[in-house]
Amino acid sequence: MRPNAGKVISIYDIPSITKSAFDVAMTARNISAGFAATGTWPVNTDIFGEVDFLPTQVTNRILPNPEPEESSSVQKPTAYVEN
């Protein structure tokens, strides 16, 4: 960028500027290393233990059957249609 100091960059210039870095960085080796760093590749089924899933048990329970309501003091709305 030093030879172009002070030059205005538009959105249309971005692809040509980033192409050389993109070609160097987007290799199969770098992509695999990125997945390995997060633990998602190679697939490690033991990466999470049972303790990691305990917070989900709050919503994983059987709900009690609610008692049916006898009657309500709120009236149901009715609609009248005239022809």
PDB file of N, CA and C in Angstrom:
ATOM      1  N   MET A   1       0.820  -1.193   0.000  1.00  0.00           N
ATOM      2  CA  MET A   1       0.000   0.000   0.000  1.00  0.00           C
ATOM      3  C   MET A   1       0.866   1.259   0.000  1.00  0.00           C
ATOM      4  N   ARG A   2       2.139   1.149   0.305  1.00  0.00           N
ATOM      5  CA  ARG A   2       2.983   2.356   0.327  1.00  0.00           C
ATOM      6  C   ARG A   2       3.060   3.053  -1.031  1.00  0.00           C
ATOM      7  N   PRO A   3       3.147   2.307  -2.136  1.00  0.00           N
ATOM      8  CA  PRO A   3       3.191   3.026  -3.414  1.00  0.00           C
ATOM      9  C   PRO A   3       1.879   3.744  -3.713  1.00  0.00           C
ATOM     10  N   ASN A   4       0.823   3.360  -3.042  1.00  0.00           N
ATOM     11  CA  ASN A   4      -0.487   3.955  -3.289  1.00  0.00           C
ATOM     12  C   ASN A   4      -0.953   4.810  -2.117  1.00  0.00           C
ATOM     13  N   ALA A   5      -0.033   5.359  -1.356  1.00  0.00           N
ATOM     14  CA  ALA A   5      -0.406   6.168  -0.193  1.00  0.00           C
ATOM     15  C   ALA A   5      -1.286   7.331  -0.632  1.00  0.00           C
ATOM     16  N   GLY A   6      -2.373   7.506   0.066  1.00  0.00           N
ATOM     17  CA  GLY A   6      -3.293   8.593  -0.240  1.00  0.00           C
ATOM     18  C   GLY A   6      -4.331   8.248  -1.287  1.00  0.00           C
ATOM     19  N   LYS A   7      -4.232   7.085  -1.900  1.00  0.00           N
ATOM     20  CA  LYS A   7      -5.203   6.683  -2.914  1.00  0.00           C
ATOM     21  C   LYS A   7      -6.476   6.203  -2.223  1.00  0.00           C
ATOM     22  N   VAL A   8      -7.599   6.604  -2.723  1.00  0.00           N
ATOM     23  CA  VAL A   8      -8.887   6.192  -2.176  1.00  0.00           C
ATOM     24  C   VAL A   8      -9.184   4.772  -2.643  1.00  0.00           C
ATOM     25  N   ILE A   9      -9.606   3.932  -1.700  1.00  0.00           N
ATOM     26  CA  ILE A   9      -9.948   2.543  -2.017  1.00  0.00           C
ATOM     27  C   ILE A   9     -11.462   2.415  -2.007  1.00  0.00           C
ATOM     28  N   SER A  10     -11.993   1.879  -3.088  1.00  0.00           N
ATOM     29  CA  SER A  10     -13.439   1.646  -3.136  1.00  0.00           C
ATOM     30  C   SER A  10     -13.720   0.177  -2.859  1.00  0.00           C
ATOM     31  N   ILE A  11     -14.968  -0.138  -2.712  1.00  0.00           N
ATOM     32  CA  ILE A  11     -15.365  -1.524  -2.458  1.00  0.00           C
ATOM     33  C   ILE A  11     -14.983  -2.422  -3.636  1.00  0.00           C
ATOM     34  N   TYR A  12     -14.866  -1.855  -4.809  1.00  0.00           N
ATOM     35  CA  TYR A  12     -14.520  -2.630  -6.000  1.00  0.00           C
ATOM     36  C   TYR A  12     -13.027  -2.965  -6.063  1.00  0.00           C
ATOM     37  N   ASP A  13     -12.208  -2.276  -5.261  1.00  0.00           N
ATOM     38  CA  ASP A  13     -10.770  -2.552  -5.214  1.00  0.00           C
ATOM     39  C   ASP A  13     -10.426  -3.678  -4.247  1.00  0.00           C
ATOM     40  N   ILE A  14     -11.295  -3.998  -3.320  1.00  0.00           N
ATOM     41  CA  ILE A  14     -11.018  -4.981  -2.267  1.00  0.00           C
ATOM     42  C   ILE A  14     -10.666  -6.362  -2.831  1.00  0.00           C
ATOM     43  N   PRO A  15     -11.395  -6.908  -3.805  1.00  0.00           N
ATOM     44  CA  PRO A  15     -11.038  -8.244  -4.312  1.00  0.00           C
ATOM     45  C   PRO A  15      -9.616  -8.324  -4.867  1.00  0.00           C
ATOM     46  N   SER A  16      -9.197  -7.340  -5.618  1.00  0.00           N
ATOM     47  CA  SER A  16      -7.843  -7.406  -6.183  1.00  0.00           C
ATOM     48  C   SER A  16      -6.779  -7.220  -5.106  1.00  0.00           C
ATOM     49  N   ILE A  17      -7.082  -6.479  -4.056  1.00  0.00           N
ATOM     50  CA  ILE A  17      -6.123  -6.275  -2.967  1.00  0.00           C
ATOM     51  C   ILE A  17      -5.979  -7.543  -2.129  1.00  0.00           C
ATOM     52  N   THR A  18      -7.081  -8.214  -1.855  1.00  0.00           N
ATOM     53  CA  THR A  18      -7.057  -9.370  -0.952  1.00  0.00           C
ATOM     54  C   THR A  18      -6.779 -10.696  -1.654  1.00  0.00           C
ATOM     55  N   LYS A  19      -6.800 -10.715  -2.985  1.00  0.00           N
ATOM     56  CA  LYS A  19      -6.639 -11.971  -3.713  1.00  0.00           C
ATOM     57  C   LYS A  19      -5.329 -12.682  -3.393  1.00  0.00           C
ATOM     58  N   SER A  20      -4.229 -11.963  -3.355  1.00  0.00           N
ATOM     59  CA  SER A  20      -2.936 -12.629  -3.124  1.00  0.00           C
ATOM     60  C   SER A  20      -2.869 -13.230  -1.719  1.00  0.00           C
ATOM     61  N   ALA A  21      -3.367 -12.525  -0.708  1.00  0.00           N
ATOM     62  CA  ALA A  21      -3.373 -13.074   0.652  1.00  0.00           C
ATOM     63  C   ALA A  21      -4.345 -14.243   0.750  1.00  0.00           C
ATOM     64  N   PHE A  22      -5.460 -14.150   0.083  1.00  0.00           N
ATOM     65  CA  PHE A  22      -6.464 -15.212   0.103  1.00  0.00           C
ATOM     66  C   PHE A  22      -5.906 -16.492  -0.509  1.00  0.00           C
ATOM     67  N   ASP A  23      -5.217 -16.367  -1.638  1.00  0.00           N
ATOM     68  CA  ASP A  23      -4.638 -17.545  -2.301  1.00  0.00           C
ATOM     69  C   ASP A  23      -3.598 -18.235  -1.429  1.00  0.00           C
ATOM     70  N   VAL A  24      -2.830 -17.469  -0.669  1.00  0.00           N
ATOM     71  CA  VAL A  24      -1.801 -18.043   0.196  1.00  0.00           C
ATOM     72  C   VAL A  24      -2.432 -18.691   1.429  1.00  0.00           C
ATOM     73  N   ALA A  25      -3.453 -18.058   1.989  1.00  0.00           N
ATOM     74  CA  ALA A  25      -4.043 -18.536   3.246  1.00  0.00           C
ATOM     75  C   ALA A  25      -5.022 -19.684   3.052  1.00  0.00           C
ATOM     76  N   MET A  26      -5.730 -19.726   1.957  1.00  0.00           N
ATOM     77  CA  MET A  26      -6.772 -20.736   1.754  1.00  0.00           C
ATOM     78  C   MET A  26      -6.188 -22.015   1.165  1.00  0.00           C
ATOM     79  N   THR A  27      -5.452 -22.726   1.982  1.00  0.00           N
ATOM     80  CA  THR A  27      -4.902 -24.010   1.564  1.00  0.00           C
ATOM     81  C   THR A  27      -5.585 -25.103   2.373  1.00  0.00           C
ATOM     82  N   ALA A  28      -5.553 -26.300   1.852  1.00  0.00           N
ATOM     83  CA  ALA A  28      -6.173 -27.423   2.563  1.00  0.00           C
ATOM     84  C   ALA A  28      -5.531 -27.614   3.930  1.00  0.00           C
ATOM     85  N   ARG A  29      -4.240 -27.375   4.003  1.00  0.00           N
ATOM     86  CA  ARG A  29      -3.528 -27.539   5.279  1.00  0.00           C
ATOM     87  C   ARG A  29      -4.008 -26.516   6.316  1.00  0.00           C
ATOM     88  N   ASN A  30      -4.147 -25.259   5.901  1.00  0.00           N
ATOM     89  CA  ASN A  30      -4.621 -24.226   6.827  1.00  0.00           C
ATOM     90  C   ASN A  30      -6.067 -24.466   7.249  1.00  0.00           C
ATOM     91  N   ILE A  31      -6.891 -24.898   6.321  1.00  0.00           N
ATOM     92  CA  ILE A  31      -8.294 -25.160   6.646  1.00  0.00           C
ATOM     93  C   ILE A  31      -8.393 -26.304   7.641  1.00  0.00           C
ATOM     94  N   SER A  32      -7.656 -27.383   7.411  1.00  0.00           N
ATOM     95  CA  SER A  32      -7.664 -28.515   8.345  1.00  0.00           C
ATOM     96  C   SER A  32      -7.131 -28.107   9.709  1.00  0.00           C
ATOM     97  N   ALA A  33      -6.089 -27.283   9.730  1.00  0.00           N
ATOM     98  CA  ALA A  33      -5.528 -26.818  11.002  1.00  0.00           C
ATOM     99  C   ALA A  33      -6.546 -25.977  11.764  1.00  0.00           C
ATOM    100  N   GLY A  34      -7.343 -25.202  11.062  1.00  0.00           N
ATOM    101  CA  GLY A  34      -8.377 -24.402  11.717  1.00  0.00           C
ATOM    102  C   GLY A  34      -9.425 -25.268  12.381  1.00  0.00           C
ATOM    103  N   PHE A  35      -9.855 -26.320  11.706  1.00  0.00           N
ATOM    104  CA  PHE A  35     -10.824 -27.234  12.307  1.00  0.00           C
ATOM    105  C   PHE A  35     -10.208 -28.016  13.459  1.00  0.00           C
ATOM    106  N   ALA A  36      -8.954 -28.400  13.332  1.00  0.00           N
ATOM    107  CA  ALA A  36      -8.284 -29.145  14.404  1.00  0.00           C
ATOM    108  C   ALA A  36      -8.117 -28.274  15.641  1.00  0.00           C
ATOM    109  N   ALA A  37      -7.853 -26.985  15.455  1.00  0.00           N
ATOM    110  CA  ALA A  37      -7.671 -26.078  16.588  1.00  0.00           C
ATOM    111  C   ALA A  37      -8.954 -25.929  17.398  1.00  0.00           C
ATOM    112  N   THR A  38     -10.103 -26.015  16.745  1.00  0.00           N
ATOM    113  CA  THR A  38     -11.376 -25.897  17.459  1.00  0.00           C
ATOM    114  C   THR A  38     -11.845 -27.225  18.020  1.00  0.00           C
ATOM    115  N   GLY A  39     -11.195 -28.303  17.619  1.00  0.00           N
ATOM    116  CA  GLY A  39     -11.584 -29.617  18.113  1.00  0.00           C
ATOM    117  C   GLY A  39     -12.689 -30.268  17.312  1.00  0.00           C
ATOM    118  N   THR A  40     -13.049 -29.688  16.172  1.00  0.00           N
ATOM    119  CA  THR A  40     -14.124 -30.269  15.369  1.00  0.00           C
ATOM    120  C   THR A  40     -13.620 -31.232  14.304  1.00  0.00           C
ATOM    121  N   TRP A  41     -12.320 -31.249  14.033  1.00  0.00           N
ATOM    122  CA  TRP A  41     -11.778 -32.182  13.057  1.00  0.00           C
ATOM    123  C   TRP A  41     -10.383 -32.572  13.472  1.00  0.00           C
ATOM    124  N   PRO A  42      -9.941 -33.758  13.421  1.00  0.00           N
ATOM    125  CA  PRO A  42     -10.771 -34.922  13.147  1.00  0.00           C
ATOM    126  C   PRO A  42     -11.810 -35.080  14.248  1.00  0.00           C
ATOM    127  N   VAL A  43     -12.902 -35.676  13.906  1.00  0.00           N
ATOM    128  CA  VAL A  43     -14.028 -35.761  14.835  1.00  0.00           C
ATOM    129  C   VAL A  43     -13.594 -36.453  16.116  1.00  0.00           C
ATOM    130  N   ASN A  44     -13.765 -35.749  17.214  1.00  0.00           N
ATOM    131  CA  ASN A  44     -13.427 -36.289  18.528  1.00  0.00           C
ATOM    132  C   ASN A  44     -14.727 -36.390  19.320  1.00  0.00           C
ATOM    133  N   THR A  45     -15.290 -37.574  19.364  1.00  0.00           N
ATOM    134  CA  THR A  45     -16.580 -37.749  20.041  1.00  0.00           C
ATOM    135  C   THR A  45     -16.470 -37.622  21.550  1.00  0.00           C
ATOM    136  N   ASP A  46     -15.262 -37.628  22.077  1.00  0.00           N
ATOM    137  CA  ASP A  46     -15.078 -37.522  23.525  1.00  0.00           C
ATOM    138  C   ASP A  46     -14.724 -36.110  23.976  1.00  0.00           C
ATOM    139  N   ILE A  47     -14.820 -35.145  23.080  1.00  0.00           N
ATOM    140  CA  ILE A  47     -14.408 -33.792  23.444  1.00  0.00           C
ATOM    141  C   ILE A  47     -15.329 -33.185  24.503  1.00  0.00           C
ATOM    142  N   PHE A  48     -16.612 -33.556  24.498  1.00  0.00           N
ATOM    143  CA  PHE A  48     -17.551 -33.079  25.513  1.00  0.00           C
ATOM    144  C   PHE A  48     -17.940 -34.243  26.402  1.00  0.00           C
ATOM    145  N   GLY A  49     -17.904 -34.026  27.694  1.00  0.00           N
ATOM    146  CA  GLY A  49     -18.322 -35.049  28.647  1.00  0.00           C
ATOM    147  C   GLY A  49     -19.772 -34.849  29.052  1.00  0.00           C
ATOM    148  N   GLU A  50     -20.279 -35.742  29.869  1.00  0.00           N
ATOM    149  CA  GLU A  50     -21.666 -35.646  30.336  1.00  0.00           C
ATOM    150  C   GLU A  50     -21.912 -34.345  31.095  1.00  0.00           C
ATOM    151  N   VAL A  51     -20.909 -33.901  31.822  1.00  0.00           N
ATOM    152  CA  VAL A  51     -21.045 -32.683  32.621  1.00  0.00           C
ATOM    153  C   VAL A  51     -21.299 -31.461  31.733  1.00  0.00           C
ATOM    154  N   ASP A  52     -20.776 -31.467  30.508  1.00  0.00           N
ATOM    155  CA  ASP A  52     -20.971 -30.346  29.597  1.00  0.00           C
ATOM    156  C   ASP A  52     -22.418 -30.227  29.138  1.00  0.00           C
ATOM    157  N   PHE A  53     -23.166 -31.306  29.187  1.00  0.00           N
ATOM    158  CA  PHE A  53     -24.547 -31.295  28.726  1.00  0.00           C
ATOM    159  C   PHE A  53     -25.555 -31.130  29.860  1.00  0.00           C
ATOM    160  N   LEU A  54     -25.095 -31.041  31.099  1.00  0.00           N
ATOM    161  CA  LEU A  54     -26.012 -30.925  32.231  1.00  0.00           C
ATOM    162  C   LEU A  54     -26.934 -29.705  32.165  1.00  0.00           C
ATOM    163  N   PRO A  55     -26.482 -28.546  31.714  1.00  0.00           N
ATOM    164  CA  PRO A  55     -27.409 -27.410  31.648  1.00  0.00           C
ATOM    165  C   PRO A  55     -28.629 -27.665  30.768  1.00  0.00           C
ATOM    166  N   THR A  56     -28.528 -28.554  29.799  1.00  0.00           N
ATOM    167  CA  THR A  56     -29.676 -28.825  28.932  1.00  0.00           C
ATOM    168  C   THR A  56     -30.727 -29.681  29.622  1.00  0.00           C
ATOM    169  N   GLN A  57     -30.386 -30.288  30.734  1.00  0.00           N
ATOM    170  CA  GLN A  57     -31.334 -31.154  31.426  1.00  0.00           C
ATOM    171  C   GLN A  57     -32.478 -30.366  32.052  1.00  0.00           C
ATOM    172  N   VAL A  58     -32.308 -29.063  32.206  1.00  0.00           N
ATOM    173  CA  VAL A  58     -33.373 -28.229  32.762  1.00  0.00           C
ATOM    174  C   VAL A  58     -34.613 -28.312  31.886  1.00  0.00           C
ATOM    175  N   THR A  59     -34.435 -28.351  30.589  1.00  0.00           N
ATOM    176  CA  THR A  59     -35.571 -28.409  29.673  1.00  0.00           C
ATOM    177  C   THR A  59     -35.889 -29.828  29.236  1.00  0.00           C
ATOM    178  N   ASN A  60     -35.145 -30.789  29.691  1.00  0.00           N
ATOM    179  CA  ASN A  60     -35.336 -32.173  29.282  1.00  0.00           C
ATOM    180  C   ASN A  60     -36.019 -32.950  30.404  1.00  0.00           C
ATOM    181  N   ARG A  61     -37.243 -32.568  30.703  1.00  0.00           N
ATOM    182  CA  ARG A  61     -37.980 -33.233  31.776  1.00  0.00           C
ATOM    183  C   ARG A  61     -39.441 -33.371  31.369  1.00  0.00           C
ATOM    184  N   ILE A  62     -40.120 -34.277  32.008  1.00  0.00           N
ATOM    185  CA  ILE A  62     -41.528 -34.511  31.715  1.00  0.00           C
ATOM    186  C   ILE A  62     -42.352 -33.482  32.473  1.00  0.00           C
ATOM    187  N   LEU A  63     -43.222 -32.815  31.759  1.00  0.00           N
ATOM    188  CA  LEU A  63     -44.079 -31.817  32.386  1.00  0.00           C
ATOM    189  C   LEU A  63     -45.276 -32.506  33.029  1.00  0.00           C
ATOM    190  N   PRO A  64     -45.702 -32.022  34.187  1.00  0.00           N
ATOM    191  CA  PRO A  64     -46.890 -32.608  34.811  1.00  0.00           C
ATOM    192  C   PRO A  64     -48.133 -32.264  33.988  1.00  0.00           C
ATOM    193  N   ASN A  65     -49.118 -33.156  34.031  1.00  0.00           N
ATOM    194  CA  ASN A  65     -50.367 -32.890  33.323  1.00  0.00           C
ATOM    195  C   ASN A  65     -51.119 -31.791  34.051  1.00  0.00           C
ATOM    196  N   PRO A  66     -51.448 -30.721  33.372  1.00  0.00           N
ATOM    197  CA  PRO A  66     -52.186 -29.643  34.034  1.00  0.00           C
ATOM    198  C   PRO A  66     -53.624 -30.082  34.308  1.00  0.00           C
ATOM    199  N   GLU A  67     -54.166 -29.586  35.406  1.00  0.00           N
ATOM    200  CA  GLU A  67     -55.557 -29.876  35.748  1.00  0.00           C
ATOM    201  C   GLU A  67     -56.459 -29.128  34.773  1.00  0.00           C
ATOM    202  N   PRO A  68     -57.472 -29.784  34.236  1.00  0.00           N
ATOM    203  CA  PRO A  68     -58.386 -29.069  33.334  1.00  0.00           C
ATOM    204  C   PRO A  68     -59.195 -28.039  34.119  1.00  0.00           C
ATOM    205  N   GLU A  69     -59.351 -26.883  33.530  1.00  0.00           N
ATOM    206  CA  GLU A  69     -60.111 -25.824  34.187  1.00  0.00           C
ATOM    207  C   GLU A  69     -61.598 -26.086  34.004  1.00  0.00           C
ATOM    208  N   GLU A  70     -62.359 -25.908  35.078  1.00  0.00           N
ATOM    209  CA  GLU A  70     -63.802 -26.137  35.038  1.00  0.00           C
ATOM    210  C   GLU A  70     -64.491 -25.064  34.206  1.00  0.00           C
ATOM    211  N   SER A  71     -64.389 -23.853  34.649  1.00  0.00           N
ATOM    212  CA  SER A  71     -64.998 -22.760  33.908  1.00  0.00           C
ATOM    213  C   SER A  71     -64.188 -21.507  34.177  1.00  0.00           C
ATOM    214  N   SER A  72     -64.376 -20.572  33.332  1.00  0.00           N
ATOM    215  CA  SER A  72     -63.628 -19.338  33.458  1.00  0.00           C
ATOM    216  C   SER A  72     -64.593 -18.171  33.533  1.00  0.00           C
ATOM    217  N   SER A  73     -64.208 -17.136  34.230  1.00  0.00           N
ATOM    218  CA  SER A  73     -65.055 -15.958  34.326  1.00  0.00           C
ATOM    219  C   SER A  73     -64.918 -15.091  33.076  1.00  0.00           C
ATOM    220  N   VAL A  74     -63.961 -15.403  32.236  1.00  0.00           N
ATOM    221  CA  VAL A  74     -63.767 -14.650  31.008  1.00  0.00           C
ATOM    222  C   VAL A  74     -64.647 -15.260  29.928  1.00  0.00           C
ATOM    223  N   GLN A  75     -65.437 -14.425  29.292  1.00  0.00           N
ATOM    224  CA  GLN A  75     -66.318 -14.916  28.242  1.00  0.00           C
ATOM    225  C   GLN A  75     -65.553 -15.006  26.929  1.00  0.00           C
ATOM    226  N   LYS A  76     -65.912 -16.006  26.159  1.00  0.00           N
ATOM    227  CA  LYS A  76     -65.293 -16.162  24.854  1.00  0.00           C
ATOM    228  C   LYS A  76     -65.925 -15.154  23.897  1.00  0.00           C
ATOM    229  N   PRO A  77     -65.140 -14.556  23.019  1.00  0.00           N
ATOM    230  CA  PRO A  77     -65.699 -13.585  22.078  1.00  0.00           C
ATOM    231  C   PRO A  77     -66.608 -14.272  21.061  1.00  0.00           C
ATOM    232  N   THR A  78     -67.641 -13.578  20.683  1.00  0.00           N
ATOM    233  CA  THR A  78     -68.555 -14.099  19.663  1.00  0.00           C
ATOM    234  C   THR A  78     -68.618 -13.099  18.523  1.00  0.00           C
ATOM    235  N   ALA A  79     -68.915 -13.588  17.347  1.00  0.00           N
ATOM    236  CA  ALA A  79     -69.011 -12.721  16.176  1.00  0.00           C
ATOM    237  C   ALA A  79     -70.370 -12.932  15.535  1.00  0.00           C
ATOM    238  N   TYR A  80     -70.982 -11.835  15.122  1.00  0.00           N
ATOM    239  CA  TYR A  80     -72.266 -11.884  14.442  1.00  0.00           C
ATOM    240  C   TYR A  80     -72.060 -11.427  13.012  1.00  0.00           C
ATOM    241  N   VAL A  81     -72.571 -12.224  12.081  1.00  0.00           N
ATOM    242  CA  VAL A  81     -72.449 -11.886  10.671  1.00  0.00           C
ATOM    243  C   VAL A  81     -73.841 -11.654  10.130  1.00  0.00           C
ATOM    244  N   GLU A  82     -74.034 -10.492   9.515  1.00  0.00           N
ATOM    245  CA  GLU A  82     -75.325 -10.177   8.910  1.00  0.00           C
ATOM    246  C   GLU A  82     -75.178 -10.214   7.403  1.00  0.00           C
ATOM    247  N   ASN A  83     -76.185 -10.776   6.755  1.00  0.00           N
ATOM    248  CA  ASN A  83     -76.169 -10.818   5.289  1.00  0.00           C
ATOM    249  C   ASN A  83     -77.077  -9.780   4.719  1.00  0.00           C
TER     250      ASN A  83
END
